[in-house]
């Protein structure tokens, strides 16, 4: 595991993947939030 953190060649793509994952989750949460607002309104 220590090698995984120290090697920049591996950690850089993983960070990009994590960032995409977070963006997808935020987008998904926004869609759910809008749907709930439409139902309540």
C-alpha atoms as a PDB file:
ATOM      1  CA  UNK A   1       0.000   0.000   0.000  1.00  0.00           C
ATOM      2  CA  UNK A   2       2.872   2.390   0.784  1.00  0.00           C
ATOM      3  CA  UNK A   3       4.191   1.953  -2.770  1.00  0.00           C
ATOM      4  CA  UNK A   4       0.772   2.903  -4.175  1.00  0.00           C
ATOM      5  CA  UNK A   5       0.855   6.253  -2.346  1.00  0.00           C
ATOM      6  CA  UNK A   6       4.465   7.162  -3.193  1.00  0.00           C
ATOM      7  CA  UNK A   7       4.376   6.405  -6.940  1.00  0.00           C
ATOM      8  CA  UNK A   8       3.102   9.515  -8.787  1.00  0.00           C
ATOM      9  CA  UNK A   9       2.413   7.599 -11.991  1.00  0.00           C
ATOM     10  CA  UNK A  10      -0.281   5.548 -10.227  1.00  0.00           C
ATOM     11  CA  UNK A  11      -1.723   8.134  -7.851  1.00  0.00           C
ATOM     12  CA  UNK A  12      -2.368  10.802 -10.518  1.00  0.00           C
ATOM     13  CA  UNK A  13      -4.901   8.796 -12.619  1.00  0.00           C
ATOM     14  CA  UNK A  14      -6.523   7.546  -9.390  1.00  0.00           C
ATOM     15  CA  UNK A  15      -7.063  11.127  -8.232  1.00  0.00           C
ATOM     16  CA  UNK A  16      -8.644  11.989 -11.580  1.00  0.00           C
ATOM     17  CA  UNK A  17     -10.922   8.935 -11.290  1.00  0.00           C
ATOM     18  CA  UNK A  18     -11.888   9.906  -7.740  1.00  0.00           C
ATOM     19  CA  UNK A  19     -12.698  13.445  -8.911  1.00  0.00           C
ATOM     20  CA  UNK A  20     -14.955  12.092 -11.681  1.00  0.00           C
ATOM     21  CA  UNK A  21     -16.650   9.806  -9.165  1.00  0.00           C
ATOM     22  CA  UNK A  22     -17.362  12.727  -6.825  1.00  0.00           C
ATOM     23  CA  UNK A  23     -18.747  14.809  -9.712  1.00  0.00           C
ATOM     24  CA  UNK A  24     -21.053  11.952 -10.720  1.00  0.00           C
ATOM     25  CA  UNK A  25     -22.333  11.596  -7.151  1.00  0.00           C
ATOM     26  CA  UNK A  26     -22.971  15.352  -6.890  1.00  0.00           C
ATOM     27  CA  UNK A  27     -24.836  15.341 -10.215  1.00  0.00           C
ATOM     28  CA  UNK A  28     -26.911  12.332  -9.095  1.00  0.00           C
ATOM     29  CA  UNK A  29     -27.770  14.052  -5.785  1.00  0.00           C
ATOM     30  CA  UNK A  30     -28.803  17.230  -7.622  1.00  0.00           C
ATOM     31  CA  UNK A  31     -31.141  15.246  -9.897  1.00  0.00           C
ATOM     32  CA  UNK A  32     -32.768  13.578  -6.848  1.00  0.00           C
ATOM     33  CA  UNK A  33     -33.034  16.954  -5.089  1.00  0.00           C
ATOM     34  CA  UNK A  34     -34.779  18.519  -8.124  1.00  0.00           C
ATOM     35  CA  UNK A  35     -37.191  15.579  -8.358  1.00  0.00           C
ATOM     36  CA  UNK A  36     -38.120  15.935  -4.677  1.00  0.00           C
ATOM     37  CA  UNK A  37     -38.635  19.696  -5.134  1.00  0.00           C
ATOM     38  CA  UNK A  38     -40.951  19.052  -8.089  1.00  0.00           C
ATOM     39  CA  UNK A  39     -43.010  16.562  -6.060  1.00  0.00           C
ATOM     40  CA  UNK A  40     -43.315  18.938  -3.104  1.00  0.00           C
ATOM     41  CA  UNK A  41     -44.071  22.036  -5.182  1.00  0.00           C
END
